[in-house]
């Protein structure tokens, strides 16, 4: 395994977080001006979230995970995970923006909350976490459905 020098790491990491944020979000807070070409191919949304450890990504990269056991065998340093899986509403995703984008393309399907991944809601707290995510997503879409008054 080749180790990068501090200078090489610095070149790679300079502005990395900003470049990734721009790539993933475009201009923050602005909805797309035209619907994406793939909007008619969305059939269901899997509701998952994550907390991203940007320092780990800057230092080690996004797809490099080396457990302490593997590091010992390979005689290298352990590399931590760069993200922790979370339920929707407990991670870094801007779900209000996600739901805004889906509404702009008239998405009518469901968002299936992917439970059993968030280790802070494991065991007896699993349903608590999933219901909290459901309520959070309802809030992000604008709350409970209220029909317009008849004129």
C-alpha atoms as a PDB file:
ATOM      1  CA  UNK A   1       0.000   0.000   0.000  1.00  0.00           C
ATOM      2  CA  UNK A   2       1.465   3.361  -1.036  1.00  0.00           C
ATOM      3  CA  UNK A   3       1.226   6.205   1.448  1.00  0.00           C
ATOM      4  CA  UNK A   4       0.630   9.729   0.145  1.00  0.00           C
ATOM      5  CA  UNK A   5       2.786  12.551   1.379  1.00  0.00           C
ATOM      6  CA  UNK A   6       1.224  15.333   3.430  1.00  0.00           C
ATOM      7  CA  UNK A   7       1.635  17.661   0.434  1.00  0.00           C
ATOM      8  CA  UNK A   8      -0.192  15.246  -1.905  1.00  0.00           C
ATOM      9  CA  UNK A   9      -3.017  14.853   0.616  1.00  0.00           C
ATOM     10  CA  UNK A  10      -3.288  18.623   0.962  1.00  0.00           C
ATOM     11  CA  UNK A  11      -3.580  19.077  -2.835  1.00  0.00           C
ATOM     12  CA  UNK A  12      -6.346  16.459  -2.942  1.00  0.00           C
ATOM     13  CA  UNK A  13      -8.201  17.794   0.074  1.00  0.00           C
ATOM     14  CA  UNK A  14      -8.035  21.544  -0.692  1.00  0.00           C
ATOM     15  CA  UNK A  15     -11.631  22.539  -1.354  1.00  0.00           C
ATOM     16  CA  UNK A  16     -12.768  18.893  -1.504  1.00  0.00           C
ATOM     17  CA  UNK A  17     -15.768  19.396   0.777  1.00  0.00           C
ATOM     18  CA  UNK A  18     -16.897  22.445  -1.214  1.00  0.00           C
ATOM     19  CA  UNK A  19     -16.493  20.627  -4.542  1.00  0.00           C
ATOM     20  CA  UNK A  20     -18.500  17.639  -3.335  1.00  0.00           C
ATOM     21  CA  UNK A  21     -21.225  19.886  -1.872  1.00  0.00           C
ATOM     22  CA  UNK A  22     -21.486  21.794  -5.168  1.00  0.00           C
ATOM     23  CA  UNK A  23     -21.601  18.575  -7.142  1.00  0.00           C
ATOM     24  CA  UNK A  24     -24.308  17.029  -4.941  1.00  0.00           C
ATOM     25  CA  UNK A  25     -26.449  20.078  -4.265  1.00  0.00           C
ATOM     26  CA  UNK A  26     -25.832  22.591  -7.027  1.00  0.00           C
ATOM     27  CA  UNK A  27     -26.529  26.041  -5.676  1.00  0.00           C
ATOM     28  CA  UNK A  28     -27.646  25.620  -2.087  1.00  0.00           C
ATOM     29  CA  UNK A  29     -31.303  26.381  -1.469  1.00  0.00           C
ATOM     30  CA  UNK A  30     -32.305  26.821  -5.109  1.00  0.00           C
ATOM     31  CA  UNK A  31     -34.659  24.409  -6.813  1.00  0.00           C
ATOM     32  CA  UNK A  32     -33.870  23.167 -10.282  1.00  0.00           C
ATOM     33  CA  UNK A  33     -35.132  25.489 -13.016  1.00  0.00           C
ATOM     34  CA  UNK A  34     -36.082  22.566 -15.259  1.00  0.00           C
ATOM     35  CA  UNK A  35     -37.116  19.047 -14.278  1.00  0.00           C
ATOM     36  CA  UNK A  36     -34.306  16.496 -14.497  1.00  0.00           C
ATOM     37  CA  UNK A  37     -34.452  14.196 -17.508  1.00  0.00           C
ATOM     38  CA  UNK A  38     -34.681  11.148 -15.250  1.00  0.00           C
ATOM     39  CA  UNK A  39     -37.723  12.221 -13.233  1.00  0.00           C
ATOM     40  CA  UNK A  40     -40.082   9.796 -14.983  1.00  0.00           C
ATOM     41  CA  UNK A  41     -37.842   6.878 -14.008  1.00  0.00           C
ATOM     42  CA  UNK A  42     -38.242   7.286 -10.236  1.00  0.00           C
ATOM     43  CA  UNK A  43     -40.539   4.563  -8.916  1.00  0.00           C
ATOM     44  CA  UNK A  44     -39.731   4.533  -5.229  1.00  0.00           C
ATOM     45  CA  UNK A  45     -37.432   6.363  -2.846  1.00  0.00           C
ATOM     46  CA  UNK A  46     -35.475   4.530  -0.146  1.00  0.00           C
ATOM     47  CA  UNK A  47     -35.298   6.858   2.830  1.00  0.00           C
ATOM     48  CA  UNK A  48     -31.844   6.584   4.344  1.00  0.00           C
ATOM     49  CA  UNK A  49     -29.497   9.159   5.717  1.00  0.00           C
ATOM     50  CA  UNK A  50     -25.908   9.403   6.939  1.00  0.00           C
ATOM     51  CA  UNK A  51     -23.555  11.553   8.948  1.00  0.00           C
ATOM     52  CA  UNK A  52     -20.465  12.233   6.854  1.00  0.00           C
ATOM     53  CA  UNK A  53     -17.040  12.501   8.472  1.00  0.00           C
ATOM     54  CA  UNK A  54     -15.473  15.033   6.089  1.00  0.00           C
ATOM     55  CA  UNK A  55     -12.144  14.915   7.904  1.00  0.00           C
ATOM     56  CA  UNK A  56     -11.904  11.150   7.300  1.00  0.00           C
ATOM     57  CA  UNK A  57     -12.710  11.676   3.598  1.00  0.00           C
ATOM     58  CA  UNK A  58     -10.116  14.440   3.287  1.00  0.00           C
ATOM     59  CA  UNK A  59      -7.519  12.299   5.006  1.00  0.00           C
ATOM     60  CA  UNK A  60      -8.251   8.813   3.661  1.00  0.00           C
ATOM     61  CA  UNK A  61     -10.798   9.042   0.833  1.00  0.00           C
ATOM     62  CA  UNK A  62     -14.416   7.962   0.652  1.00  0.00           C
ATOM     63  CA  UNK A  63     -14.027   4.292  -0.216  1.00  0.00           C
ATOM     64  CA  UNK A  64     -11.034   3.391   1.916  1.00  0.00           C
ATOM     65  CA  UNK A  65     -11.979   1.586   5.104  1.00  0.00           C
ATOM     66  CA  UNK A  66      -9.355  -0.479   6.894  1.00  0.00           C
ATOM     67  CA  UNK A  67     -10.403  -2.201  10.107  1.00  0.00           C
ATOM     68  CA  UNK A  68      -7.884  -2.524  12.940  1.00  0.00           C
ATOM     69  CA  UNK A  69      -7.687  -6.288  12.250  1.00  0.00           C
ATOM     70  CA  UNK A  70      -6.825  -5.795   8.548  1.00  0.00           C
ATOM     71  CA  UNK A  71      -4.415  -2.982   9.391  1.00  0.00           C
ATOM     72  CA  UNK A  72      -2.520  -5.284  11.769  1.00  0.00           C
ATOM     73  CA  UNK A  73      -2.134  -7.978   9.069  1.00  0.00           C
ATOM     74  CA  UNK A  74      -1.184  -5.470   6.341  1.00  0.00           C
ATOM     75  CA  UNK A  75       1.064  -3.522   8.712  1.00  0.00           C
ATOM     76  CA  UNK A  76      -0.681  -0.236   7.980  1.00  0.00           C
ATOM     77  CA  UNK A  77      -2.785   2.257   9.887  1.00  0.00           C
ATOM     78  CA  UNK A  78      -6.500   1.628  10.526  1.00  0.00           C
ATOM     79  CA  UNK A  79      -8.763   3.918   8.489  1.00  0.00           C
ATOM     80  CA  UNK A  80     -12.136   4.861  10.006  1.00  0.00           C
ATOM     81  CA  UNK A  81     -15.453   4.700   8.204  1.00  0.00           C
ATOM     82  CA  UNK A  82     -16.315   7.976   6.483  1.00  0.00           C
ATOM     83  CA  UNK A  83     -20.024   7.831   7.277  1.00  0.00           C
ATOM     84  CA  UNK A  84     -22.483   6.497   9.800  1.00  0.00           C
ATOM     85  CA  UNK A  85     -25.839   5.251   8.533  1.00  0.00           C
ATOM     86  CA  UNK A  86     -28.795   7.099  10.053  1.00  0.00           C
ATOM     87  CA  UNK A  87     -32.545   7.234   9.768  1.00  0.00           C
ATOM     88  CA  UNK A  88     -33.988  10.122   7.712  1.00  0.00           C
ATOM     89  CA  UNK A  89     -33.859  13.333   9.718  1.00  0.00           C
ATOM     90  CA  UNK A  90     -30.880  12.317  11.844  1.00  0.00           C
ATOM     91  CA  UNK A  91     -28.175  12.638   9.176  1.00  0.00           C
ATOM     92  CA  UNK A  92     -26.822  15.338   6.896  1.00  0.00           C
ATOM     93  CA  UNK A  93     -29.394  15.135   4.077  1.00  0.00           C
ATOM     94  CA  UNK A  94     -31.549  18.211   3.450  1.00  0.00           C
ATOM     95  CA  UNK A  95     -34.862  16.355   3.193  1.00  0.00           C
ATOM     96  CA  UNK A  96     -36.857  19.568   2.670  1.00  0.00           C
ATOM     97  CA  UNK A  97     -34.854  20.135  -0.508  1.00  0.00           C
ATOM     98  CA  UNK A  98     -35.204  16.473  -1.564  1.00  0.00           C
ATOM     99  CA  UNK A  99     -38.997  16.647  -1.153  1.00  0.00           C
ATOM    100  CA  UNK A 100     -39.124  19.994  -2.955  1.00  0.00           C
ATOM    101  CA  UNK A 101     -37.288  18.510  -5.932  1.00  0.00           C
ATOM    102  CA  UNK A 102     -39.606  15.476  -5.954  1.00  0.00           C
ATOM    103  CA  UNK A 103     -42.690  17.703  -5.881  1.00  0.00           C
ATOM    104  CA  UNK A 104     -41.343  19.810  -8.746  1.00  0.00           C
ATOM    105  CA  UNK A 105     -41.337  16.700 -10.940  1.00  0.00           C
ATOM    106  CA  UNK A 106     -44.780  15.556  -9.659  1.00  0.00           C
ATOM    107  CA  UNK A 107     -43.456  12.455  -7.910  1.00  0.00           C
ATOM    108  CA  UNK A 108     -46.421  10.548  -6.482  1.00  0.00           C
ATOM    109  CA  UNK A 109     -44.696   7.480  -5.013  1.00  0.00           C
ATOM    110  CA  UNK A 110     -43.672   6.642  -1.495  1.00  0.00           C
ATOM    111  CA  UNK A 111     -40.526   7.156   0.520  1.00  0.00           C
ATOM    112  CA  UNK A 112     -39.736   3.854   2.216  1.00  0.00           C
ATOM    113  CA  UNK A 113     -37.885   4.458   5.467  1.00  0.00           C
ATOM    114  CA  UNK A 114     -34.953   2.065   5.603  1.00  0.00           C
ATOM    115  CA  UNK A 115     -34.815   1.051   9.211  1.00  0.00           C
ATOM    116  CA  UNK A 116     -32.550  -1.355  11.042  1.00  0.00           C
ATOM    117  CA  UNK A 117     -29.390   0.545   9.980  1.00  0.00           C
ATOM    118  CA  UNK A 118     -29.196   3.410  12.475  1.00  0.00           C
ATOM    119  CA  UNK A 119     -27.193   2.044  15.384  1.00  0.00           C
ATOM    120  CA  UNK A 120     -28.401   4.820  17.702  1.00  0.00           C
ATOM    121  CA  UNK A 121     -31.936   3.392  17.380  1.00  0.00           C
ATOM    122  CA  UNK A 122     -31.156  -0.291  17.689  1.00  0.00           C
ATOM    123  CA  UNK A 123     -32.977  -2.836  19.800  1.00  0.00           C
ATOM    124  CA  UNK A 124     -35.982  -1.524  21.699  1.00  0.00           C
ATOM    125  CA  UNK A 125     -35.570   1.928  20.093  1.00  0.00           C
ATOM    126  CA  UNK A 126     -35.927   0.746  16.453  1.00  0.00           C
ATOM    127  CA  UNK A 127     -39.601   1.675  16.022  1.00  0.00           C
ATOM    128  CA  UNK A 128     -39.056   4.922  17.931  1.00  0.00           C
ATOM    129  CA  UNK A 129     -36.428   5.938  15.360  1.00  0.00           C
ATOM    130  CA  UNK A 130     -38.540   4.908  12.384  1.00  0.00           C
ATOM    131  CA  UNK A 131     -41.638   6.745  13.648  1.00  0.00           C
ATOM    132  CA  UNK A 132     -39.518   9.830  14.397  1.00  0.00           C
ATOM    133  CA  UNK A 133     -38.223   9.678  10.804  1.00  0.00           C
ATOM    134  CA  UNK A 134     -41.750   9.334   9.434  1.00  0.00           C
ATOM    135  CA  UNK A 135     -42.915  12.364  11.415  1.00  0.00           C
ATOM    136  CA  UNK A 136     -39.842  14.343  10.336  1.00  0.00           C
ATOM    137  CA  UNK A 137     -40.466  13.549   6.660  1.00  0.00           C
ATOM    138  CA  UNK A 138     -44.115  14.578   7.038  1.00  0.00           C
ATOM    139  CA  UNK A 139     -42.936  17.910   8.455  1.00  0.00           C
ATOM    140  CA  UNK A 140     -40.509  18.345   5.542  1.00  0.00           C
ATOM    141  CA  UNK A 141     -43.306  17.862   3.021  1.00  0.00           C
ATOM    142  CA  UNK A 142     -45.419  20.499   4.778  1.00  0.00           C
ATOM    143  CA  UNK A 143     -47.163  18.522   7.505  1.00  0.00           C
ATOM    144  CA  UNK A 144     -50.376  16.529   7.433  1.00  0.00           C
ATOM    145  CA  UNK A 145     -52.499  16.794   4.309  1.00  0.00           C
ATOM    146  CA  UNK A 146     -55.098  19.555   4.521  1.00  0.00           C
ATOM    147  CA  UNK A 147     -57.586  19.753   1.648  1.00  0.00           C
ATOM    148  CA  UNK A 148     -58.292  23.135   0.105  1.00  0.00           C
ATOM    149  CA  UNK A 149     -61.660  24.670   1.038  1.00  0.00           C
ATOM    150  CA  UNK A 150     -64.386  24.278  -1.516  1.00  0.00           C
ATOM    151  CA  UNK A 151     -65.362  27.550  -3.133  1.00  0.00           C
END
